[in-house]
Structures are given as structure tokens and as C-alpha cells.
Amino acid sequence: MNINEDSVTELVKVAKDAIEEKKGEDIRIIDIHDISSFADYFIIAAGSNKKQIQTIADNIEEKLAKLAKEPKGIEGYPEGSWILMDYGEFIVHIFSAEERLFYDLERIWKDGKEINI
């Protein structure tokens, strides 16, 4: 399904709201469409423990499924220290504090533009 930019922005907002609803922390949205061929946005957030990280991922999946948006893939769910949810136009990364600090995606993708949706 090819969707327009407004639709993508709305889906990113739904995902962000789903993270906030489950008390996700330090949420960042990075516009990478000028520097990436595989996605337009990264959503990066943190949870305080495995259960919370999994609950955040579950909530995102549930909220987006109601809008008929299913993930192309989900990685890291059983471990719960870094869950990656690939929605095509955007990718959600939910980290533990330690994993987020270690991988530092914000630094790696610093050429992207952090936006507020």
C-alpha cells in the first residue's frame, strides 16, 4: 500500500501517542527520508524494563492495526531490550536505557532532522 505523506505523519503520531500512553520515555522522531532509501522516519523511545518495552510494542501494534497498518516485521520482542518494528515508511525502536546508550541511533542518524509531531 502506497500512502501519502499526511497519512504517514498521522500513523507516526498514533505510534508516538501509543508510546506515551504506556509511559515510554525520551521519545524522538527523526525524519530520515532525505538520507535513507528504506524509511522516512525513525521513532526512538525507551522503556524502563523488559515488560514495559514489550507492553509499549504491543500497544503500538494494537493501535496501528486498528488503522489497518500492520508491521512488515518485528525483531527483538522475546528479549525485550531493543524491539524494532518495521512499518515500511517508518521504523519504531524501543530500547532499554542501556541498549539505547550503547547503539546511540540518534548519533548514527544525526544527519536526519528531529521533528515534533
PDB file of N, CA and C in Angstrom:
ATOM      1  N   MET A   1       0.834  -1.179   0.000  1.00  0.00           N
ATOM      2  CA  MET A   1       0.000   0.000   0.000  1.00  0.00           C
ATOM      3  C   MET A   1       0.879   1.242   0.000  1.00  0.00           C
ATOM      4  N   ASN A   2       0.652   2.117  -0.953  1.00  0.00           N
ATOM      5  CA  ASN A   2       1.392   3.357  -1.038  1.00  0.00           C
ATOM      6  C   ASN A   2       0.554   4.452  -0.404  1.00  0.00           C
ATOM      7  N   ILE A   3       1.067   5.085   0.623  1.00  0.00           N
ATOM      8  CA  ILE A   3       0.275   6.094   1.312  1.00  0.00           C
ATOM      9  C   ILE A   3       0.958   7.449   1.216  1.00  0.00           C
ATOM     10  N   ASN A   4       0.182   8.510   1.311  1.00  0.00           N
ATOM     11  CA  ASN A   4       0.753   9.843   1.170  1.00  0.00           C
ATOM     12  C   ASN A   4       1.410  10.310   2.463  1.00  0.00           C
ATOM     13  N   GLU A   5       2.128  11.432   2.348  1.00  0.00           N
ATOM     14  CA  GLU A   5       2.908  11.956   3.471  1.00  0.00           C
ATOM     15  C   GLU A   5       2.030  12.295   4.678  1.00  0.00           C
ATOM     16  N   ASP A   6       0.856  12.865   4.461  1.00  0.00           N
ATOM     17  CA  ASP A   6      -0.035  13.180   5.577  1.00  0.00           C
ATOM     18  C   ASP A   6      -0.464  11.918   6.315  1.00  0.00           C
ATOM     19  N   SER A   7      -0.727  10.854   5.572  1.00  0.00           N
ATOM     20  CA  SER A   7      -1.110   9.584   6.187  1.00  0.00           C
ATOM     21  C   SER A   7       0.040   9.013   7.010  1.00  0.00           C
ATOM     22  N   VAL A   8       1.254   9.103   6.473  1.00  0.00           N
ATOM     23  CA  VAL A   8       2.424   8.608   7.208  1.00  0.00           C
ATOM     24  C   VAL A   8       2.588   9.408   8.493  1.00  0.00           C
ATOM     25  N   THR A   9       2.476  10.721   8.399  1.00  0.00           N
ATOM     26  CA  THR A   9       2.611  11.578   9.575  1.00  0.00           C
ATOM     27  C   THR A   9       1.565  11.221  10.628  1.00  0.00           C
ATOM     28  N   GLU A  10       0.348  10.947  10.204  1.00  0.00           N
ATOM     29  CA  GLU A  10      -0.709  10.570  11.143  1.00  0.00           C
ATOM     30  C   GLU A  10      -0.389   9.229  11.814  1.00  0.00           C
ATOM     31  N   LEU A  11       0.129   8.272  11.047  1.00  0.00           N
ATOM     32  CA  LEU A  11       0.494   6.974  11.621  1.00  0.00           C
ATOM     33  C   LEU A  11       1.640   7.122  12.620  1.00  0.00           C
ATOM     34  N   VAL A  12       2.614   7.976  12.293  1.00  0.00           N
ATOM     35  CA  VAL A  12       3.725   8.234  13.215  1.00  0.00           C
ATOM     36  C   VAL A  12       3.185   8.844  14.510  1.00  0.00           C
ATOM     37  N   LYS A  13       2.239   9.756  14.397  1.00  0.00           N
ATOM     38  CA  LYS A  13       1.627  10.364  15.583  1.00  0.00           C
ATOM     39  C   LYS A  13       0.893   9.312  16.421  1.00  0.00           C
ATOM     40  N   VAL A  14       0.180   8.409  15.780  1.00  0.00           N
ATOM     41  CA  VAL A  14      -0.516   7.332  16.505  1.00  0.00           C
ATOM     42  C   VAL A  14       0.498   6.475  17.259  1.00  0.00           C
ATOM     43  N   ALA A  15       1.607   6.137  16.598  1.00  0.00           N
ATOM     44  CA  ALA A  15       2.648   5.338  17.259  1.00  0.00           C
ATOM     45  C   ALA A  15       3.244   6.097  18.446  1.00  0.00           C
ATOM     46  N   LYS A  16       3.529   7.387  18.256  1.00  0.00           N
ATOM     47  CA  LYS A  16       4.077   8.202  19.348  1.00  0.00           C
ATOM     48  C   LYS A  16       3.095   8.245  20.520  1.00  0.00           C
ATOM     49  N   ASP A  17       1.816   8.474  20.221  1.00  0.00           N
ATOM     50  CA  ASP A  17       0.804   8.511  21.281  1.00  0.00           C
ATOM     51  C   ASP A  17       0.713   7.173  22.019  1.00  0.00           C
ATOM     52  N   ALA A  18       0.857   6.071  21.279  1.00  0.00           N
ATOM     53  CA  ALA A  18       0.819   4.741  21.891  1.00  0.00           C
ATOM     54  C   ALA A  18       1.998   4.546  22.840  1.00  0.00           C
ATOM     55  N   ILE A  19       3.145   5.100  22.475  1.00  0.00           N
ATOM     56  CA  ILE A  19       4.326   5.023  23.353  1.00  0.00           C
ATOM     57  C   ILE A  19       4.065   5.836  24.620  1.00  0.00           C
ATOM     58  N   GLU A  20       3.571   7.061  24.437  1.00  0.00           N
ATOM     59  CA  GLU A  20       3.293   7.923  25.590  1.00  0.00           C
ATOM     60  C   GLU A  20       2.258   7.304  26.520  1.00  0.00           C
ATOM     61  N   GLU A  21       1.262   6.655  25.942  1.00  0.00           N
ATOM     62  CA  GLU A  21       0.195   6.031  26.728  1.00  0.00           C
ATOM     63  C   GLU A  21       0.727   4.978  27.693  1.00  0.00           C
ATOM     64  N   LYS A  22       1.808   4.317  27.309  1.00  0.00           N
ATOM     65  CA  LYS A  22       2.412   3.280  28.152  1.00  0.00           C
ATOM     66  C   LYS A  22       3.672   3.779  28.850  1.00  0.00           C
ATOM     67  N   LYS A  23       3.765   5.104  28.965  1.00  0.00           N
ATOM     68  CA  LYS A  23       4.831   5.763  29.736  1.00  0.00           C
ATOM     69  C   LYS A  23       6.229   5.547  29.167  1.00  0.00           C
ATOM     70  N   GLY A  24       6.325   5.429  27.833  1.00  0.00           N
ATOM     71  CA  GLY A  24       7.639   5.396  27.198  1.00  0.00           C
ATOM     72  C   GLY A  24       8.350   6.713  27.448  1.00  0.00           C
ATOM     73  N   GLU A  25       9.663   6.672  27.427  1.00  0.00           N
ATOM     74  CA  GLU A  25      10.460   7.836  27.795  1.00  0.00           C
ATOM     75  C   GLU A  25      11.324   8.313  26.640  1.00  0.00           C
ATOM     76  N   ASP A  26      11.686   9.591  26.691  1.00  0.00           N
ATOM     77  CA  ASP A  26      12.641  10.208  25.764  1.00  0.00           C
ATOM     78  C   ASP A  26      12.321   9.852  24.304  1.00  0.00           C
ATOM     79  N   ILE A  27      11.109  10.169  23.883  1.00  0.00           N
ATOM     80  CA  ILE A  27      10.650   9.832  22.533  1.00  0.00           C
ATOM     81  C   ILE A  27      11.227  10.833  21.541  1.00  0.00           C
ATOM     82  N   ARG A  28      11.853  10.306  20.508  1.00  0.00           N
ATOM     83  CA  ARG A  28      12.418  11.144  19.446  1.00  0.00           C
ATOM     84  C   ARG A  28      11.880  10.654  18.111  1.00  0.00           C
ATOM     85  N   ILE A  29      11.537  11.589  17.258  1.00  0.00           N
ATOM     86  CA  ILE A  29      11.134  11.258  15.894  1.00  0.00           C
ATOM     87  C   ILE A  29      12.142  11.923  14.976  1.00  0.00           C
ATOM     88  N   ILE A  30      12.781  11.110  14.146  1.00  0.00           N
ATOM     89  CA  ILE A  30      13.809  11.615  13.244  1.00  0.00           C
ATOM     90  C   ILE A  30      13.357  11.401  11.807  1.00  0.00           C
ATOM     91  N   ASP A  31      13.311  12.489  11.062  1.00  0.00           N
ATOM     92  CA  ASP A  31      12.977  12.450   9.639  1.00  0.00           C
ATOM     93  C   ASP A  31      14.246  12.052   8.887  1.00  0.00           C
ATOM     94  N   ILE A  32      14.237  10.867   8.288  1.00  0.00           N
ATOM     95  CA  ILE A  32      15.417  10.362   7.580  1.00  0.00           C
ATOM     96  C   ILE A  32      15.170  10.209   6.080  1.00  0.00           C
ATOM     97  N   HIS A  33      14.051  10.739   5.581  1.00  0.00           N
ATOM     98  CA  HIS A  33      13.701  10.460   4.182  1.00  0.00           C
ATOM     99  C   HIS A  33      14.726  11.018   3.193  1.00  0.00           C
ATOM    100  N   ASP A  34      15.456  12.085   3.548  1.00  0.00           N
ATOM    101  CA  ASP A  34      16.481  12.635   2.646  1.00  0.00           C
ATOM    102  C   ASP A  34      17.774  11.825   2.661  1.00  0.00           C
ATOM    103  N   ILE A  35      17.963  10.992   3.682  1.00  0.00           N
ATOM    104  CA  ILE A  35      19.236  10.284   3.816  1.00  0.00           C
ATOM    105  C   ILE A  35      19.083   8.763   3.843  1.00  0.00           C
ATOM    106  N   SER A  36      17.866   8.278   3.649  1.00  0.00           N
ATOM    107  CA  SER A  36      17.613   6.846   3.710  1.00  0.00           C
ATOM    108  C   SER A  36      16.747   6.409   2.532  1.00  0.00           C
ATOM    109  N   SER A  37      17.025   5.225   2.029  1.00  0.00           N
ATOM    110  CA  SER A  37      16.205   4.675   0.949  1.00  0.00           C
ATOM    111  C   SER A  37      15.173   3.676   1.470  1.00  0.00           C
ATOM    112  N   PHE A  38      15.215   3.369   2.772  1.00  0.00           N
ATOM    113  CA  PHE A  38      14.346   2.308   3.290  1.00  0.00           C
ATOM    114  C   PHE A  38      13.228   2.793   4.205  1.00  0.00           C
ATOM    115  N   ALA A  39      13.260   4.033   4.654  1.00  0.00           N
ATOM    116  CA  ALA A  39      12.206   4.544   5.535  1.00  0.00           C
ATOM    117  C   ALA A  39      12.242   6.065   5.521  1.00  0.00           C
ATOM    118  N   ASP A  40      11.145   6.666   5.971  1.00  0.00           N
ATOM    119  CA  ASP A  40      11.061   8.126   6.069  1.00  0.00           C
ATOM    120  C   ASP A  40      11.319   8.632   7.487  1.00  0.00           C
ATOM    121  N   TYR A  41      10.942   7.814   8.477  1.00  0.00           N
ATOM    122  CA  TYR A  41      11.082   8.237   9.879  1.00  0.00           C
ATOM    123  C   TYR A  41      11.579   7.105  10.755  1.00  0.00           C
ATOM    124  N   PHE A  42      12.331   7.490  11.777  1.00  0.00           N
ATOM    125  CA  PHE A  42      12.627   6.621  12.908  1.00  0.00           C
ATOM    126  C   PHE A  42      11.877   7.208  14.100  1.00  0.00           C
ATOM    127  N   ILE A  43      11.256   6.343  14.868  1.00  0.00           N
ATOM    128  CA  ILE A  43      10.721   6.729  16.165  1.00  0.00           C
ATOM    129  C   ILE A  43      11.559   5.969  17.180  1.00  0.00           C
ATOM    130  N   ILE A  44      12.182   6.703  18.084  1.00  0.00           N
ATOM    131  CA  ILE A  44      13.075   6.096  19.071  1.00  0.00           C
ATOM    132  C   ILE A  44      12.546   6.431  20.450  1.00  0.00           C
ATOM    133  N   ALA A  45      12.437   5.413  21.300  1.00  0.00           N
ATOM    134  CA  ALA A  45      11.939   5.619  22.658  1.00  0.00           C
ATOM    135  C   ALA A  45      12.608   4.623  23.598  1.00  0.00           C
ATOM    136  N   ALA A  46      12.405   4.847  24.874  1.00  0.00           N
ATOM    137  CA  ALA A  46      12.972   3.951  25.883  1.00  0.00           C
ATOM    138  C   ALA A  46      11.901   3.501  26.856  1.00  0.00           C
ATOM    139  N   GLY A  47      12.114   2.312  27.379  1.00  0.00           N
ATOM    140  CA  GLY A  47      11.298   1.777  28.461  1.00  0.00           C
ATOM    141  C   GLY A  47      12.210   1.414  29.606  1.00  0.00           C
ATOM    142  N   SER A  48      11.649   1.275  30.793  1.00  0.00           N
ATOM    143  CA  SER A  48      12.496   1.052  31.965  1.00  0.00           C
ATOM    144  C   SER A  48      12.813  -0.417  32.229  1.00  0.00           C
ATOM    145  N   ASN A  49      12.028  -1.343  31.628  1.00  0.00           N
ATOM    146  CA  ASN A  49      12.308  -2.761  31.830  1.00  0.00           C
ATOM    147  C   ASN A  49      11.692  -3.564  30.672  1.00  0.00           C
ATOM    148  N   LYS A  50      12.018  -4.845  30.628  1.00  0.00           N
ATOM    149  CA  LYS A  50      11.565  -5.716  29.532  1.00  0.00           C
ATOM    150  C   LYS A  50      10.052  -5.704  29.380  1.00  0.00           C
ATOM    151  N   LYS A  51       9.338  -5.831  30.464  1.00  0.00           N
ATOM    152  CA  LYS A  51       7.868  -5.891  30.406  1.00  0.00           C
ATOM    153  C   LYS A  51       7.293  -4.595  29.840  1.00  0.00           C
ATOM    154  N   GLN A  52       7.811  -3.454  30.280  1.00  0.00           N
ATOM    155  CA  GLN A  52       7.312  -2.179  29.770  1.00  0.00           C
ATOM    156  C   GLN A  52       7.634  -2.031  28.287  1.00  0.00           C
ATOM    157  N   ILE A  53       8.818  -2.409  27.879  1.00  0.00           N
ATOM    158  CA  ILE A  53       9.218  -2.313  26.470  1.00  0.00           C
ATOM    159  C   ILE A  53       8.285  -3.176  25.618  1.00  0.00           C
ATOM    160  N   GLN A  54       7.993  -4.380  26.061  1.00  0.00           N
ATOM    161  CA  GLN A  54       7.078  -5.255  25.321  1.00  0.00           C
ATOM    162  C   GLN A  54       5.655  -4.689  25.313  1.00  0.00           C
ATOM    163  N   THR A  55       5.232  -4.091  26.424  1.00  0.00           N
ATOM    164  CA  THR A  55       3.898  -3.503  26.510  1.00  0.00           C
ATOM    165  C   THR A  55       3.775  -2.312  25.555  1.00  0.00           C
ATOM    166  N   ILE A  56       4.816  -1.514  25.457  1.00  0.00           N
ATOM    167  CA  ILE A  56       4.822  -0.400  24.507  1.00  0.00           C
ATOM    168  C   ILE A  56       4.673  -0.934  23.085  1.00  0.00           C
ATOM    169  N   ALA A  57       5.450  -1.955  22.747  1.00  0.00           N
ATOM    170  CA  ALA A  57       5.378  -2.545  21.401  1.00  0.00           C
ATOM    171  C   ALA A  57       3.979  -3.103  21.126  1.00  0.00           C
ATOM    172  N   ASP A  58       3.412  -3.782  22.099  1.00  0.00           N
ATOM    173  CA  ASP A  58       2.059  -4.331  21.942  1.00  0.00           C
ATOM    174  C   ASP A  58       1.048  -3.221  21.678  1.00  0.00           C
ATOM    175  N   ASN A  59       1.175  -2.122  22.406  1.00  0.00           N
ATOM    176  CA  ASN A  59       0.232  -1.017  22.271  1.00  0.00           C
ATOM    177  C   ASN A  59       0.354  -0.357  20.889  1.00  0.00           C
ATOM    178  N   ILE A  60       1.579  -0.176  20.424  1.00  0.00           N
ATOM    179  CA  ILE A  60       1.790   0.383  19.082  1.00  0.00           C
ATOM    180  C   ILE A  60       1.136  -0.519  18.049  1.00  0.00           C
ATOM    181  N   GLU A  61       1.417  -1.813  18.135  1.00  0.00           N
ATOM    182  CA  GLU A  61       0.875  -2.763  17.162  1.00  0.00           C
ATOM    183  C   GLU A  61      -0.658  -2.751  17.179  1.00  0.00           C
ATOM    184  N   GLU A  62      -1.241  -2.705  18.372  1.00  0.00           N
ATOM    185  CA  GLU A  62      -2.701  -2.705  18.504  1.00  0.00           C
ATOM    186  C   GLU A  62      -3.315  -1.430  17.916  1.00  0.00           C
ATOM    187  N   LYS A  63      -2.744  -0.283  18.241  1.00  0.00           N
ATOM    188  CA  LYS A  63      -3.300   0.996  17.768  1.00  0.00           C
ATOM    189  C   LYS A  63      -3.185   1.110  16.241  1.00  0.00           C
ATOM    190  N   LEU A  64      -2.059   0.690  15.687  1.00  0.00           N
ATOM    191  CA  LEU A  64      -1.883   0.798  14.237  1.00  0.00           C
ATOM    192  C   LEU A  64      -2.705  -0.251  13.490  1.00  0.00           C
ATOM    193  N   ALA A  65      -2.906  -1.413  14.093  1.00  0.00           N
ATOM    194  CA  ALA A  65      -3.746  -2.446  13.468  1.00  0.00           C
ATOM    195  C   ALA A  65      -5.179  -1.945  13.298  1.00  0.00           C
ATOM    196  N   LYS A  66      -5.639  -1.133  14.236  1.00  0.00           N
ATOM    197  CA  LYS A  66      -6.987  -0.564  14.124  1.00  0.00           C
ATOM    198  C   LYS A  66      -7.112   0.346  12.905  1.00  0.00           C
ATOM    199  N   LEU A  67      -5.962   0.829  12.412  1.00  0.00           N
ATOM    200  CA  LEU A  67      -5.938   1.677  11.217  1.00  0.00           C
ATOM    201  C   LEU A  67      -5.484   0.879   9.988  1.00  0.00           C
ATOM    202  N   ALA A  68      -5.513  -0.439  10.118  1.00  0.00           N
ATOM    203  CA  ALA A  68      -5.127  -1.366   9.042  1.00  0.00           C
ATOM    204  C   ALA A  68      -3.666  -1.222   8.642  1.00  0.00           C
ATOM    205  N   LYS A  69      -2.811  -0.851   9.596  1.00  0.00           N
ATOM    206  CA  LYS A  69      -1.372  -0.766   9.340  1.00  0.00           C
ATOM    207  C   LYS A  69      -0.691  -1.865  10.143  1.00  0.00           C
ATOM    208  N   GLU A  70      -0.182  -2.855   9.427  1.00  0.00           N
ATOM    209  CA  GLU A  70       0.480  -3.995  10.059  1.00  0.00           C
ATOM    210  C   GLU A  70       1.995  -3.877   9.854  1.00  0.00           C
ATOM    211  N   PRO A  71       2.780  -4.335  10.814  1.00  0.00           N
ATOM    212  CA  PRO A  71       4.236  -4.271  10.646  1.00  0.00           C
ATOM    213  C   PRO A  71       4.717  -5.267   9.591  1.00  0.00           C
ATOM    214  N   LYS A  72       5.753  -4.858   8.867  1.00  0.00           N
ATOM    215  CA  LYS A  72       6.399  -5.775   7.923  1.00  0.00           C
ATOM    216  C   LYS A  72       7.231  -6.795   8.693  1.00  0.00           C
ATOM    217  N   GLY A  73       7.668  -6.381   9.875  1.00  0.00           N
ATOM    218  CA  GLY A  73       8.451  -7.274  10.717  1.00  0.00           C
ATOM    219  C   GLY A  73       8.671  -6.672  12.088  1.00  0.00           C
ATOM    220  N   ILE A  74       8.859  -7.559  13.062  1.00  0.00           N
ATOM    221  CA  ILE A  74       9.183  -7.153  14.431  1.00  0.00           C
ATOM    222  C   ILE A  74      10.354  -8.006  14.873  1.00  0.00           C
ATOM    223  N   GLU A  75      11.381  -7.355  15.399  1.00  0.00           N
ATOM    224  CA  GLU A  75      12.576  -8.063  15.873  1.00  0.00           C
ATOM    225  C   GLU A  75      12.818  -7.720  17.332  1.00  0.00           C
ATOM    226  N   GLY A  76      13.353  -8.672  18.069  1.00  0.00           N
ATOM    227  CA  GLY A  76      13.794  -8.430  19.436  1.00  0.00           C
ATOM    228  C   GLY A  76      12.732  -8.516  20.513  1.00  0.00           C
ATOM    229  N   TYR A  77      11.521  -8.892  20.147  1.00  0.00           N
ATOM    230  CA  TYR A  77      10.433  -8.909  21.139  1.00  0.00           C
ATOM    231  C   TYR A  77      10.716  -9.863  22.306  1.00  0.00           C
ATOM    232  N   PRO A  78      11.129 -11.111  22.050  1.00  0.00           N
ATOM    233  CA  PRO A  78      11.336 -12.033  23.187  1.00  0.00           C
ATOM    234  C   PRO A  78      12.383 -11.526  24.190  1.00  0.00           C
ATOM    235  N   GLU A  79      13.440 -10.890  23.684  1.00  0.00           N
ATOM    236  CA  GLU A  79      14.493 -10.397  24.573  1.00  0.00           C
ATOM    237  C   GLU A  79      14.037  -9.139  25.313  1.00  0.00           C
ATOM    238  N   GLY A  80      13.321  -8.266  24.608  1.00  0.00           N
ATOM    239  CA  GLY A  80      12.751  -7.082  25.230  1.00  0.00           C
ATOM    240  C   GLY A  80      13.728  -6.001  25.623  1.00  0.00           C
ATOM    241  N   SER A  81      14.949  -6.013  25.066  1.00  0.00           N
ATOM    242  CA  SER A  81      15.879  -4.927  25.388  1.00  0.00           C
ATOM    243  C   SER A  81      15.988  -3.925  24.231  1.00  0.00           C
ATOM    244  N   TRP A  82      15.660  -4.366  23.016  1.00  0.00           N
ATOM    245  CA  TRP A  82      15.561  -3.491  21.858  1.00  0.00           C
ATOM    246  C   TRP A  82      14.563  -4.138  20.907  1.00  0.00           C
ATOM    247  N   ILE A  83      13.410  -3.552  20.805  1.00  0.00           N
ATOM    248  CA  ILE A  83      12.399  -4.050  19.873  1.00  0.00           C
ATOM    249  C   ILE A  83      12.361  -3.114  18.677  1.00  0.00           C
ATOM    250  N   LEU A  84      12.509  -3.682  17.494  1.00  0.00           N
ATOM    251  CA  LEU A  84      12.434  -2.935  16.242  1.00  0.00           C
ATOM    252  C   LEU A  84      11.153  -3.345  15.544  1.00  0.00           C
ATOM    253  N   MET A  85      10.354  -2.340  15.180  1.00  0.00           N
ATOM    254  CA  MET A  85       9.082  -2.587  14.495  1.00  0.00           C
ATOM    255  C   MET A  85       9.141  -1.868  13.151  1.00  0.00           C
ATOM    256  N   ASP A  86       9.169  -2.632  12.074  1.00  0.00           N
ATOM    257  CA  ASP A  86       9.292  -2.070  10.731  1.00  0.00           C
ATOM    258  C   ASP A  86       7.912  -1.903  10.110  1.00  0.00           C
ATOM    259  N   TYR A  87       7.510  -0.657   9.930  1.00  0.00           N
ATOM    260  CA  TYR A  87       6.231  -0.349   9.294  1.00  0.00           C
ATOM    261  C   TYR A  87       6.421   0.202   7.883  1.00  0.00           C
ATOM    262  N   GLY A  88       7.574  -0.044   7.291  1.00  0.00           N
ATOM    263  CA  GLY A  88       7.823   0.402   5.928  1.00  0.00           C
ATOM    264  C   GLY A  88       8.242   1.854   5.882  1.00  0.00           C
ATOM    265  N   GLU A  89       7.284   2.761   5.929  1.00  0.00           N
ATOM    266  CA  GLU A  89       7.582   4.192   5.858  1.00  0.00           C
ATOM    267  C   GLU A  89       8.234   4.709   7.145  1.00  0.00           C
ATOM    268  N   PHE A  90       8.027   3.996   8.231  1.00  0.00           N
ATOM    269  CA  PHE A  90       8.661   4.377   9.492  1.00  0.00           C
ATOM    270  C   PHE A  90       9.046   3.129  10.272  1.00  0.00           C
ATOM    271  N   ILE A  91      10.069   3.303  11.101  1.00  0.00           N
ATOM    272  CA  ILE A  91      10.579   2.209  11.921  1.00  0.00           C
ATOM    273  C   ILE A  91      10.600   2.674  13.368  1.00  0.00           C
ATOM    274  N   VAL A  92      10.044   1.851  14.235  1.00  0.00           N
ATOM    275  CA  VAL A  92       9.991   2.162  15.661  1.00  0.00           C
ATOM    276  C   VAL A  92      11.082   1.349  16.369  1.00  0.00           C
ATOM    277  N   HIS A  93      11.867   2.043  17.193  1.00  0.00           N
ATOM    278  CA  HIS A  93      12.894   1.409  18.019  1.00  0.00           C
ATOM    279  C   HIS A  93      12.542   1.681  19.473  1.00  0.00           C
ATOM    280  N   ILE A  94      12.342   0.624  20.239  1.00  0.00           N
ATOM    281  CA  ILE A  94      12.070   0.777  21.667  1.00  0.00           C
ATOM    282  C   ILE A  94      13.212   0.095  22.413  1.00  0.00           C
ATOM    283  N   PHE A  95      13.941   0.871  23.168  1.00  0.00           N
ATOM    284  CA  PHE A  95      15.156   0.398  23.820  1.00  0.00           C
ATOM    285  C   PHE A  95      15.029   0.366  25.337  1.00  0.00           C
ATOM    286  N   SER A  96      15.869  -0.465  25.950  1.00  0.00           N
ATOM    287  CA  SER A  96      16.188  -0.278  27.360  1.00  0.00           C
ATOM    288  C   SER A  96      17.189   0.888  27.399  1.00  0.00           C
ATOM    289  N   ALA A  97      17.357   1.501  28.544  1.00  0.00           N
ATOM    290  CA  ALA A  97      18.290   2.630  28.650  1.00  0.00           C
ATOM    291  C   ALA A  97      19.704   2.219  28.249  1.00  0.00           C
ATOM    292  N   GLU A  98      20.121   1.030  28.672  1.00  0.00           N
ATOM    293  CA  GLU A  98      21.479   0.569  28.379  1.00  0.00           C
ATOM    294  C   GLU A  98      21.685   0.345  26.882  1.00  0.00           C
ATOM    295  N   GLU A  99      20.724  -0.318  26.245  1.00  0.00           N
ATOM    296  CA  GLU A  99      20.835  -0.589  24.805  1.00  0.00           C
ATOM    297  C   GLU A  99      20.800   0.715  24.006  1.00  0.00           C
ATOM    298  N   ARG A 100      19.948   1.627  24.417  1.00  0.00           N
ATOM    299  CA  ARG A 100      19.852   2.894  23.693  1.00  0.00           C
ATOM    300  C   ARG A 100      21.171   3.646  23.757  1.00  0.00           C
ATOM    301  N   LEU A 101      21.760   3.693  24.922  1.00  0.00           N
ATOM    302  CA  LEU A 101      23.048   4.355  25.088  1.00  0.00           C
ATOM    303  C   LEU A 101      24.130   3.663  24.253  1.00  0.00           C
ATOM    304  N   PHE A 102      24.125   2.342  24.254  1.00  0.00           N
ATOM    305  CA  PHE A 102      25.130   1.577  23.520  1.00  0.00           C
ATOM    306  C   PHE A 102      25.019   1.805  22.005  1.00  0.00           C
ATOM    307  N   TYR A 103      23.826   1.691  21.450  1.00  0.00           N
ATOM    308  CA  TYR A 103      23.651   1.786  19.998  1.00  0.00           C
ATOM    309  C   TYR A 103      23.576   3.226  19.495  1.00  0.00           C
ATOM    310  N   ASP A 104      23.111   4.147  20.317  1.00  0.00           N
ATOM    311  CA  ASP A 104      23.120   5.583  20.038  1.00  0.00           C
ATOM    312  C   ASP A 104      22.675   5.923  18.609  1.00  0.00           C
ATOM    313  N   LEU A 105      21.466   5.483  18.253  1.00  0.00           N
ATOM    314  CA  LEU A 105      20.944   5.743  16.906  1.00  0.00           C
ATOM    315  C   LEU A 105      20.846   7.227  16.593  1.00  0.00           C
ATOM    316  N   GLU A 106      20.572   8.037  17.601  1.00  0.00           N
ATOM    317  CA  GLU A 106      20.482   9.472  17.375  1.00  0.00           C
ATOM    318  C   GLU A 106      21.797  10.014  16.813  1.00  0.00           C
ATOM    319  N   ARG A 107      22.922   9.499  17.291  1.00  0.00           N
ATOM    320  CA  ARG A 107      24.229   9.935  16.792  1.00  0.00           C
ATOM    321  C   ARG A 107      24.464   9.390  15.390  1.00  0.00           C
ATOM    322  N   ILE A 108      24.158   8.117  15.191  1.00  0.00           N
ATOM    323  CA  ILE A 108      24.376   7.495  13.881  1.00  0.00           C
ATOM    324  C   ILE A 108      23.559   8.194  12.802  1.00  0.00           C
ATOM    325  N   TRP A 109      22.346   8.598  13.123  1.00  0.00           N
ATOM    326  CA  TRP A 109      21.440   9.227  12.164  1.00  0.00           C
ATOM    327  C   TRP A 109      21.354  10.740  12.393  1.00  0.00           C
ATOM    328  N   LYS A 110      22.461  11.345  12.844  1.00  0.00           N
ATOM    329  CA  LYS A 110      22.455  12.773  13.165  1.00  0.00           C
ATOM    330  C   LYS A 110      22.192  13.665  11.956  1.00  0.00           C
ATOM    331  N   ASP A 111      22.363  13.146  10.742  1.00  0.00           N
ATOM    332  CA  ASP A 111      22.068  13.933   9.544  1.00  0.00           C
ATOM    333  C   ASP A 111      20.566  14.026   9.278  1.00  0.00           C
ATOM    334  N   GLY A 112      19.779  13.224  10.001  1.00  0.00           N
ATOM    335  CA  GLY A 112      18.327  13.342   9.913  1.00  0.00           C
ATOM    336  C   GLY A 112      17.870  14.542  10.719  1.00  0.00           C
ATOM    337  N   LYS A 113      16.619  14.928  10.538  1.00  0.00           N
ATOM    338  CA  LYS A 113      16.089  16.088  11.257  1.00  0.00           C
ATOM    339  C   LYS A 113      15.130  15.605  12.336  1.00  0.00           C
ATOM    340  N   GLU A 114      15.421  15.969  13.573  1.00  0.00           N
ATOM    341  CA  GLU A 114      14.480  15.638  14.640  1.00  0.00           C
ATOM    342  C   GLU A 114      13.262  16.540  14.487  1.00  0.00           C
ATOM    343  N   ILE A 115      12.090  15.923  14.529  1.00  0.00           N
ATOM    344  CA  ILE A 115      10.865  16.695  14.350  1.00  0.00           C
ATOM    345  C   ILE A 115       9.930  16.458  15.527  1.00  0.00           C
ATOM    346  N   ASN A 116       8.961  17.337  15.648  1.00  0.00           N
ATOM    347  CA  ASN A 116       7.967  17.219  16.710  1.00  0.00           C
ATOM    348  C   ASN A 116       6.610  17.044  16.059  1.00  0.00           C
ATOM    349  N   ILE A 117       5.998  15.893  16.262  1.00  0.00           N
ATOM    350  CA  ILE A 117       4.675  15.624  15.689  1.00  0.00           C
ATOM    351  C   ILE A 117       3.674  15.556  16.820  1.00  0.00           C
TER     352      ILE A 117
END
